[in-house]
PDB file of N, CA and C in Angstrom:
ATOM      1  N   MET A   1      -0.311 -61.091  -1.538  1.00  0.00           N
ATOM      2  CA  MET A   1      -0.529 -62.482  -0.346  1.00  0.00           C
ATOM      3  C   MET A   1      -1.402 -60.884   0.628  1.00  0.00           C
ATOM      4  N   LEU A   2      -0.218 -60.052   0.653  1.00  0.00           N
ATOM      5  CA  LEU A   2      -1.351 -59.059   1.960  1.00  0.00           C
ATOM      6  C   LEU A   2      -2.183 -58.253   1.633  1.00  0.00           C
ATOM      7  N   ASN A   3      -2.072 -58.194  -0.198  1.00  0.00           N
ATOM      8  CA  ASN A   3      -3.702 -57.254  -0.308  1.00  0.00           C
ATOM      9  C   ASN A   3      -5.070 -58.008   0.048  1.00  0.00           C
ATOM     10  N   GLN A   4      -4.852 -59.110  -0.537  1.00  0.00           N
ATOM     11  CA  GLN A   4      -5.591 -60.412  -0.559  1.00  0.00           C
ATOM     12  C   GLN A   4      -6.160 -60.360   1.461  1.00  0.00           C
ATOM     13  N   LYS A   5      -5.816 -60.568   2.303  1.00  0.00           N
ATOM     14  CA  LYS A   5      -6.117 -59.887   2.885  1.00  0.00           C
ATOM     15  C   LYS A   5      -6.653 -59.472   4.510  1.00  0.00           C
ATOM     16  N   TYR A   6      -5.784 -57.419   3.988  1.00  0.00           N
ATOM     17  CA  TYR A   6      -6.154 -56.251   4.349  1.00  0.00           C
ATOM     18  C   TYR A   6      -6.195 -55.285   4.467  1.00  0.00           C
ATOM     19  N   LYS A   7      -6.728 -54.904   4.510  1.00  0.00           N
ATOM     20  CA  LYS A   7      -7.593 -53.926   3.244  1.00  0.00           C
ATOM     21  C   LYS A   7      -5.912 -52.740   3.425  1.00  0.00           C
ATOM     22  N   LYS A   8      -4.897 -52.714   4.577  1.00  0.00           N
ATOM     23  CA  LYS A   8      -3.965 -51.576   4.280  1.00  0.00           C
ATOM     24  C   LYS A   8      -3.380 -52.143   4.808  1.00  0.00           C
ATOM     25  N   SER A   9      -1.162 -52.444   4.197  1.00  0.00           N
ATOM     26  CA  SER A   9      -0.946 -53.013   4.304  1.00  0.00           C
ATOM     27  C   SER A   9       0.474 -52.041   4.412  1.00  0.00           C
ATOM     28  N   MET A  10       1.298 -52.209   5.491  1.00  0.00           N
ATOM     29  CA  MET A  10       2.181 -51.888   5.508  1.00  0.00           C
ATOM     30  C   MET A  10       4.118 -53.677   5.754  1.00  0.00           C
ATOM     31  N   VAL A  11       5.372 -53.046   4.268  1.00  0.00           N
ATOM     32  CA  VAL A  11       6.109 -53.671   5.266  1.00  0.00           C
ATOM     33  C   VAL A  11       6.740 -52.706   5.593  1.00  0.00           C
ATOM     34  N   ILE A  12       7.951 -53.255   6.589  1.00  0.00           N
ATOM     35  CA  ILE A  12       8.742 -52.933   7.846  1.00  0.00           C
ATOM     36  C   ILE A  12      10.237 -53.045   7.105  1.00  0.00           C
ATOM     37  N   HIS A  13      10.638 -52.378   6.639  1.00  0.00           N
ATOM     38  CA  HIS A  13      12.638 -53.386   5.632  1.00  0.00           C
ATOM     39  C   HIS A  13      13.130 -52.675   7.161  1.00  0.00           C
ATOM     40  N   ILE A  14      14.020 -53.400   7.618  1.00  0.00           N
ATOM     41  CA  ILE A  14      15.432 -53.520   8.544  1.00  0.00           C
ATOM     42  C   ILE A  14      16.312 -54.291   8.012  1.00  0.00           C
ATOM     43  N   THR A  15      17.700 -53.193   6.877  1.00  0.00           N
ATOM     44  CA  THR A  15      18.152 -54.145   6.939  1.00  0.00           C
ATOM     45  C   THR A  15      20.051 -52.927   6.883  1.00  0.00           C
ATOM     46  N   ASP A  16      20.485 -53.748   6.572  1.00  0.00           N
ATOM     47  CA  ASP A  16      22.882 -52.870   6.650  1.00  0.00           C
ATOM     48  C   ASP A  16      22.408 -51.863   5.154  1.00  0.00           C
ATOM     49  N   GLY A  17      22.074 -52.310   4.443  1.00  0.00           N
ATOM     50  CA  GLY A  17      21.968 -52.049   3.121  1.00  0.00           C
ATOM     51  C   GLY A  17      22.962 -53.056   1.897  1.00  0.00           C
ATOM     52  N   ALA A  18      23.278 -53.583   2.757  1.00  0.00           N
ATOM     53  CA  ALA A  18      24.316 -54.219   1.728  1.00  0.00           C
ATOM     54  C   ALA A  18      23.709 -55.184   0.343  1.00  0.00           C
ATOM     55  N   ALA A  19      24.821 -55.040  -0.443  1.00  0.00           N
ATOM     56  CA  ALA A  19      23.709 -56.463  -1.606  1.00  0.00           C
ATOM     57  C   ALA A  19      23.594 -57.602  -0.935  1.00  0.00           C
ATOM     58  N   ASN A  20      22.508 -58.275  -1.907  1.00  0.00           N
ATOM     59  CA  ASN A  20      21.559 -60.099  -1.131  1.00  0.00           C
ATOM     60  C   ASN A  20      21.444 -60.373  -2.466  1.00  0.00           C
ATOM     61  N   CYS A  21      21.405 -62.255  -2.633  1.00  0.00           N
ATOM     62  CA  CYS A  21      20.615 -62.748  -3.225  1.00  0.00           C
ATOM     63  C   CYS A  21      18.894 -62.149  -3.490  1.00  0.00           C
ATOM     64  N   GLY A  22      18.272 -62.324  -4.107  1.00  0.00           N
ATOM     65  CA  GLY A  22      16.980 -62.628  -4.500  1.00  0.00           C
ATOM     66  C   GLY A  22      16.417 -61.302  -5.112  1.00  0.00           C
ATOM     67  N   LEU A  23      15.218 -60.791  -4.925  1.00  0.00           N
ATOM     68  CA  LEU A  23      14.878 -59.967  -5.477  1.00  0.00           C
ATOM     69  C   LEU A  23      15.433 -58.782  -5.492  1.00  0.00           C
ATOM     70  N   PRO A  24      15.580 -57.958  -6.825  1.00  0.00           N
ATOM     71  CA  PRO A  24      16.616 -56.539  -6.238  1.00  0.00           C
ATOM     72  C   PRO A  24      15.873 -55.404  -5.955  1.00  0.00           C
ATOM     73  N   LEU A  25      16.266 -54.593  -4.222  1.00  0.00           N
ATOM     74  CA  LEU A  25      15.625 -53.618  -4.147  1.00  0.00           C
ATOM     75  C   LEU A  25      14.405 -53.284  -5.128  1.00  0.00           C
ATOM     76  N   GLY A  26      15.054 -52.211  -6.265  1.00  0.00           N
ATOM     77  CA  GLY A  26      13.794 -51.177  -6.977  1.00  0.00           C
ATOM     78  C   GLY A  26      12.388 -51.814  -7.479  1.00  0.00           C
ATOM     79  N   GLU A  27      13.201 -52.753  -6.974  1.00  0.00           N
ATOM     80  CA  GLU A  27      11.706 -54.384  -7.327  1.00  0.00           C
ATOM     81  C   GLU A  27      10.923 -54.341  -7.061  1.00  0.00           C
ATOM     82  N   ALA A  28      11.007 -54.844  -5.642  1.00  0.00           N
ATOM     83  CA  ALA A  28      11.146 -54.715  -4.499  1.00  0.00           C
ATOM     84  C   ALA A  28      10.194 -53.845  -3.327  1.00  0.00           C
ATOM     85  N   VAL A  29      10.265 -52.753  -3.899  1.00  0.00           N
ATOM     86  CA  VAL A  29      10.692 -50.779  -3.957  1.00  0.00           C
ATOM     87  C   VAL A  29       8.540 -50.607  -4.645  1.00  0.00           C
ATOM     88  N   ASN A  30       8.931 -51.314  -5.738  1.00  0.00           N
ATOM     89  CA  ASN A  30       7.694 -50.502  -6.916  1.00  0.00           C
ATOM     90  C   ASN A  30       6.935 -51.511  -6.990  1.00  0.00           C
ATOM     91  N   TYR A  31       7.763 -52.134  -5.830  1.00  0.00           N
ATOM     92  CA  TYR A  31       5.914 -53.930  -6.776  1.00  0.00           C
ATOM     93  C   TYR A  31       5.277 -53.125  -4.693  1.00  0.00           C
ATOM     94  N   CYS A  32       5.369 -52.759  -4.319  1.00  0.00           N
ATOM     95  CA  CYS A  32       5.211 -52.545  -3.076  1.00  0.00           C
ATOM     96  C   CYS A  32       4.216 -51.376  -3.068  1.00  0.00           C
ATOM     97  N   LEU A  33       4.504 -50.159  -4.044  1.00  0.00           N
ATOM     98  CA  LEU A  33       4.243 -48.140  -4.320  1.00  0.00           C
ATOM     99  C   LEU A  33       2.506 -48.891  -4.876  1.00  0.00           C
ATOM    100  N   ASN A  34       3.146 -49.646  -6.123  1.00  0.00           N
ATOM    101  CA  ASN A  34       2.115 -50.518  -7.693  1.00  0.00           C
ATOM    102  C   ASN A  34       1.759 -51.102  -6.578  1.00  0.00           C
ATOM    103  N   ASN A  35       0.995 -51.632  -5.846  1.00  0.00           N
ATOM    104  CA  ASN A  35      -0.242 -52.443  -5.652  1.00  0.00           C
ATOM    105  C   ASN A  35      -0.501 -52.009  -3.613  1.00  0.00           C
ATOM    106  N   HIS A  36       0.420 -51.060  -3.272  1.00  0.00           N
ATOM    107  CA  HIS A  36      -0.702 -50.051  -2.744  1.00  0.00           C
ATOM    108  C   HIS A  36      -0.398 -50.407  -1.073  1.00  0.00           C
ATOM    109  N   ILE A  37       1.022 -50.727  -0.937  1.00  0.00           N
ATOM    110  CA  ILE A  37       0.906 -51.470   0.275  1.00  0.00           C
ATOM    111  C   ILE A  37       2.226 -50.353   0.913  1.00  0.00           C
ATOM    112  N   GLU A  38       2.082 -50.212   1.746  1.00  0.00           N
ATOM    113  CA  GLU A  38       3.355 -48.841   2.654  1.00  0.00           C
ATOM    114  C   GLU A  38       4.703 -49.309   2.541  1.00  0.00           C
ATOM    115  N   VAL A  39       5.274 -49.299   2.164  1.00  0.00           N
ATOM    116  CA  VAL A  39       7.241 -49.912   2.488  1.00  0.00           C
ATOM    117  C   VAL A  39       7.715 -48.370   2.860  1.00  0.00           C
ATOM    118  N   PHE A  40       8.588 -49.275   4.406  1.00  0.00           N
ATOM    119  CA  PHE A  40       9.425 -48.163   4.972  1.00  0.00           C
ATOM    120  C   PHE A  40      10.575 -48.640   5.684  1.00  0.00           C
ATOM    121  N   THR A  41      11.901 -48.209   5.881  1.00  0.00           N
ATOM    122  CA  THR A  41      12.972 -48.721   5.630  1.00  0.00           C
ATOM    123  C   THR A  41      13.892 -48.717   7.343  1.00  0.00           C
ATOM    124  N   ILE A  42      14.192 -49.219   7.848  1.00  0.00           N
ATOM    125  CA  ILE A  42      14.937 -48.704   8.617  1.00  0.00           C
ATOM    126  C   ILE A  42      16.536 -48.709   8.715  1.00  0.00           C
ATOM    127  N   GLY A  43      17.492 -48.207   7.984  1.00  0.00           N
ATOM    128  CA  GLY A  43      18.959 -48.713   7.489  1.00  0.00           C
ATOM    129  C   GLY A  43      19.749 -48.934   9.457  1.00  0.00           C
ATOM    130  N   CYS A  44      20.290 -50.416   9.345  1.00  0.00           N
ATOM    131  CA  CYS A  44      20.828 -50.354  10.651  1.00  0.00           C
ATOM    132  C   CYS A  44      22.640 -50.312  10.106  1.00  0.00           C
ATOM    133  N   GLY A  45      23.834 -49.455  11.031  1.00  0.00           N
ATOM    134  CA  GLY A  45      24.505 -49.968  10.284  1.00  0.00           C
ATOM    135  C   GLY A  45      24.889 -49.519   9.463  1.00  0.00           C
ATOM    136  N   CYS A  46      24.702 -48.737   7.620  1.00  0.00           N
ATOM    137  CA  CYS A  46      24.704 -48.611   6.438  1.00  0.00           C
ATOM    138  C   CYS A  46      26.437 -47.696   6.988  1.00  0.00           C
ATOM    139  N   THR A  47      26.917 -48.356   5.281  1.00  0.00           N
ATOM    140  CA  THR A  47      27.696 -48.094   5.497  1.00  0.00           C
ATOM    141  C   THR A  47      27.379 -45.554   4.791  1.00  0.00           C
ATOM    142  N   ARG A  48      28.439 -45.070   4.596  1.00  0.00           N
ATOM    143  CA  ARG A  48      28.112 -43.697   3.740  1.00  0.00           C
ATOM    144  C   ARG A  48      27.306 -44.350   2.216  1.00  0.00           C
ATOM    145  N   GLN A  49      27.907 -44.869   0.852  1.00  0.00           N
ATOM    146  CA  GLN A  49      27.743 -45.850  -0.257  1.00  0.00           C
ATOM    147  C   GLN A  49      26.601 -46.416   0.029  1.00  0.00           C
ATOM    148  N   THR A  50      26.395 -47.375   1.454  1.00  0.00           N
ATOM    149  CA  THR A  50      25.137 -48.412   1.421  1.00  0.00           C
ATOM    150  C   THR A  50      23.574 -46.986   1.590  1.00  0.00           C
ATOM    151  N   LYS A  51      23.956 -45.744   2.484  1.00  0.00           N
ATOM    152  CA  LYS A  51      22.300 -45.179   2.409  1.00  0.00           C
ATOM    153  C   LYS A  51      22.283 -44.345   1.559  1.00  0.00           C
ATOM    154  N   LYS A  52      23.607 -44.101   0.850  1.00  0.00           N
ATOM    155  CA  LYS A  52      23.219 -43.140  -0.331  1.00  0.00           C
ATOM    156  C   LYS A  52      22.302 -43.934  -1.137  1.00  0.00           C
ATOM    157  N   PHE A  53      23.226 -45.767  -1.735  1.00  0.00           N
ATOM    158  CA  PHE A  53      21.988 -46.021  -1.873  1.00  0.00           C
ATOM    159  C   PHE A  53      20.577 -46.098  -1.968  1.00  0.00           C
ATOM    160  N   LEU A  54      20.384 -46.943  -0.440  1.00  0.00           N
ATOM    161  CA  LEU A  54      18.923 -46.641   0.049  1.00  0.00           C
ATOM    162  C   LEU A  54      17.937 -44.840   0.082  1.00  0.00           C
ATOM    163  N   ARG A  55      18.373 -44.228  -0.485  1.00  0.00           N
ATOM    164  CA  ARG A  55      18.247 -42.523  -0.283  1.00  0.00           C
ATOM    165  C   ARG A  55      17.778 -42.457  -1.837  1.00  0.00           C
ATOM    166  N   GLU A  56      18.015 -43.345  -2.656  1.00  0.00           N
ATOM    167  CA  GLU A  56      17.827 -43.036  -4.432  1.00  0.00           C
ATOM    168  C   GLU A  56      16.846 -44.414  -4.169  1.00  0.00           C
ATOM    169  N   SER A  57      16.971 -44.913  -3.647  1.00  0.00           N
ATOM    170  CA  SER A  57      15.773 -46.088  -3.827  1.00  0.00           C
ATOM    171  C   SER A  57      14.028 -46.061  -2.752  1.00  0.00           C
ATOM    172  N   PHE A  58      14.027 -45.184  -2.540  1.00  0.00           N
ATOM    173  CA  PHE A  58      12.911 -45.274  -1.517  1.00  0.00           C
ATOM    174  C   PHE A  58      12.050 -43.753  -0.866  1.00  0.00           C
ATOM    175  N   PRO A  59      10.989 -43.960  -1.436  1.00  0.00           N
ATOM    176  CA  PRO A  59      10.010 -41.916  -1.177  1.00  0.00           C
ATOM    177  C   PRO A  59      10.733 -41.398   0.120  1.00  0.00           C
ATOM    178  N   PRO A  60      10.366 -40.648  -0.596  1.00  0.00           N
ATOM    179  CA  PRO A  60      10.573 -39.016   0.993  1.00  0.00           C
ATOM    180  C   PRO A  60       9.909 -40.265   1.503  1.00  0.00           C
ATOM    181  N   GLY A  61      10.762 -40.035   3.336  1.00  0.00           N
ATOM    182  CA  GLY A  61      10.554 -39.690   3.832  1.00  0.00           C
ATOM    183  C   GLY A  61       9.584 -41.278   5.445  1.00  0.00           C
ATOM    184  N   ARG A  62      10.126 -41.817   4.183  1.00  0.00           N
ATOM    185  CA  ARG A  62      10.245 -43.680   4.342  1.00  0.00           C
ATOM    186  C   ARG A  62      11.586 -44.475   4.619  1.00  0.00           C
ATOM    187  N   LEU A  63      12.598 -43.561   5.259  1.00  0.00           N
ATOM    188  CA  LEU A  63      13.648 -43.751   5.235  1.00  0.00           C
ATOM    189  C   LEU A  63      14.176 -43.489   6.562  1.00  0.00           C
ATOM    190  N   TYR A  64      14.867 -44.095   7.412  1.00  0.00           N
ATOM    191  CA  TYR A  64      15.318 -44.047   8.803  1.00  0.00           C
ATOM    192  C   TYR A  64      16.873 -44.702   9.386  1.00  0.00           C
ATOM    193  N   PHE A  65      17.878 -43.866   9.279  1.00  0.00           N
ATOM    194  CA  PHE A  65      18.204 -44.109   9.626  1.00  0.00           C
ATOM    195  C   PHE A  65      19.037 -44.652  11.079  1.00  0.00           C
ATOM    196  N   MET A  66      19.939 -45.694  11.577  1.00  0.00           N
ATOM    197  CA  MET A  66      20.083 -45.372  13.337  1.00  0.00           C
ATOM    198  C   MET A  66      21.143 -46.437  13.641  1.00  0.00           C
ATOM    199  N   GLN A  67      22.069 -46.210  14.228  1.00  0.00           N
ATOM    200  CA  GLN A  67      23.078 -46.000  14.524  1.00  0.00           C
ATOM    201  C   GLN A  67      23.500 -47.694  14.960  1.00  0.00           C
ATOM    202  N   ASP A  68      22.847 -48.497  15.510  1.00  0.00           N
ATOM    203  CA  ASP A  68      22.812 -49.842  15.743  1.00  0.00           C
ATOM    204  C   ASP A  68      22.041 -50.704  16.068  1.00  0.00           C
ATOM    205  N   ILE A  69      21.473 -51.645  16.409  1.00  0.00           N
ATOM    206  CA  ILE A  69      20.364 -51.890  16.732  1.00  0.00           C
ATOM    207  C   ILE A  69      19.499 -51.263  18.287  1.00  0.00           C
ATOM    208  N   ASN A  70      20.144 -51.416  19.087  1.00  0.00           N
ATOM    209  CA  ASN A  70      20.192 -50.744  19.745  1.00  0.00           C
ATOM    210  C   ASN A  70      18.699 -49.704  19.981  1.00  0.00           C
ATOM    211  N   TYR A  71      18.558 -48.343  18.469  1.00  0.00           N
ATOM    212  CA  TYR A  71      18.255 -47.744  18.465  1.00  0.00           C
ATOM    213  C   TYR A  71      16.828 -48.655  17.553  1.00  0.00           C
ATOM    214  N   LEU A  72      16.932 -49.456  17.364  1.00  0.00           N
ATOM    215  CA  LEU A  72      15.337 -49.470  17.424  1.00  0.00           C
ATOM    216  C   LEU A  72      14.173 -48.761  17.436  1.00  0.00           C
ATOM    217  N   ALA A  73      13.661 -49.739  18.402  1.00  0.00           N
ATOM    218  CA  ALA A  73      13.071 -48.808  19.143  1.00  0.00           C
ATOM    219  C   ALA A  73      12.542 -47.110  18.850  1.00  0.00           C
ATOM    220  N   ASP A  74      13.737 -46.881  18.662  1.00  0.00           N
ATOM    221  CA  ASP A  74      14.041 -45.401  18.182  1.00  0.00           C
ATOM    222  C   ASP A  74      13.501 -44.669  16.831  1.00  0.00           C
ATOM    223  N   GLY A  75      14.224 -46.039  16.348  1.00  0.00           N
ATOM    224  CA  GLY A  75      13.664 -45.809  14.219  1.00  0.00           C
ATOM    225  C   GLY A  75      11.952 -46.331  14.371  1.00  0.00           C
ATOM    226  N   LEU A  76      11.367 -47.310  15.092  1.00  0.00           N
ATOM    227  CA  LEU A  76      10.212 -47.613  14.743  1.00  0.00           C
ATOM    228  C   LEU A  76       9.083 -45.950  15.254  1.00  0.00           C
ATOM    229  N   GLU A  77       9.080 -45.471  16.471  1.00  0.00           N
ATOM    230  CA  GLU A  77       9.332 -45.003  16.794  1.00  0.00           C
ATOM    231  C   GLU A  77       8.863 -43.977  15.660  1.00  0.00           C
ATOM    232  N   GLN A  78      10.108 -43.075  15.296  1.00  0.00           N
ATOM    233  CA  GLN A  78       9.817 -42.003  14.485  1.00  0.00           C
ATOM    234  C   GLN A  78       9.593 -42.313  12.823  1.00  0.00           C
ATOM    235  N   LEU A  79       9.755 -43.671  12.935  1.00  0.00           N
ATOM    236  CA  LEU A  79       8.362 -44.041  10.816  1.00  0.00           C
ATOM    237  C   LEU A  79       7.139 -43.843  11.394  1.00  0.00           C
ATOM    238  N   PHE A  80       6.547 -44.217  12.863  1.00  0.00           N
ATOM    239  CA  PHE A  80       5.331 -44.293  13.179  1.00  0.00           C
ATOM    240  C   PHE A  80       4.696 -42.941  13.514  1.00  0.00           C
ATOM    241  N   LYS A  81       4.962 -42.096  13.892  1.00  0.00           N
ATOM    242  CA  LYS A  81       5.114 -39.946  14.437  1.00  0.00           C
ATOM    243  C   LYS A  81       4.325 -39.824  13.198  1.00  0.00           C
ATOM    244  N   ARG A  82       5.273 -40.267  12.259  1.00  0.00           N
ATOM    245  CA  ARG A  82       5.725 -39.591  10.205  1.00  0.00           C
ATOM    246  C   ARG A  82       4.467 -39.820   9.841  1.00  0.00           C
ATOM    247  N   LYS A  83       3.730 -41.301  10.171  1.00  0.00           N
ATOM    248  CA  LYS A  83       2.606 -41.513   9.548  1.00  0.00           C
ATOM    249  C   LYS A  83       1.575 -41.105  10.002  1.00  0.00           C
ATOM    250  N   ILE A  84       1.309 -41.393  11.269  1.00  0.00           N
ATOM    251  CA  ILE A  84      -0.053 -40.405  12.209  1.00  0.00           C
ATOM    252  C   ILE A  84      -0.022 -38.739  11.792  1.00  0.00           C
ATOM    253  N   LEU A  85       0.948 -38.743  11.189  1.00  0.00           N
ATOM    254  CA  LEU A  85       1.257 -36.917  10.871  1.00  0.00           C
ATOM    255  C   LEU A  85       0.953 -36.865   9.431  1.00  0.00           C
ATOM    256  N   GLU A  86       0.803 -37.536   8.672  1.00  0.00           N
ATOM    257  CA  GLU A  86       0.960 -37.398   7.049  1.00  0.00           C
ATOM    258  C   GLU A  86      -1.336 -37.227   6.906  1.00  0.00           C
ATOM    259  N   TYR A  87      -1.733 -38.471   8.785  1.00  0.00           N
ATOM    260  CA  TYR A  87      -3.269 -38.258   8.255  1.00  0.00           C
ATOM    261  C   TYR A  87      -4.043 -37.493  10.048  1.00  0.00           C
ATOM    262  N   ALA A  88      -2.407 -36.614   9.897  1.00  0.00           N
ATOM    263  CA  ALA A  88      -3.247 -35.395  11.305  1.00  0.00           C
ATOM    264  C   ALA A  88      -3.479 -33.595   9.754  1.00  0.00           C
TER     265      ALA A  88
END
């Protein structure tokens, strides 16, 4: 649906990395990558195990970990800086 509405699409995924029901994370990431939807993840309050899982699920440079939600603005800033520097 994003591709129909916008020429460039981006999803920012904020997670604690814990399993939930629904579409498996790997399938969702692959869908985005195959449909030219940029996907970035901010991990919040992740354990060592969930950090490892997320690192294995996302392409390099698309993942930022923060200690808690109070660092959300910093996490978004880091992701946007990376994105801007890609085009520089």
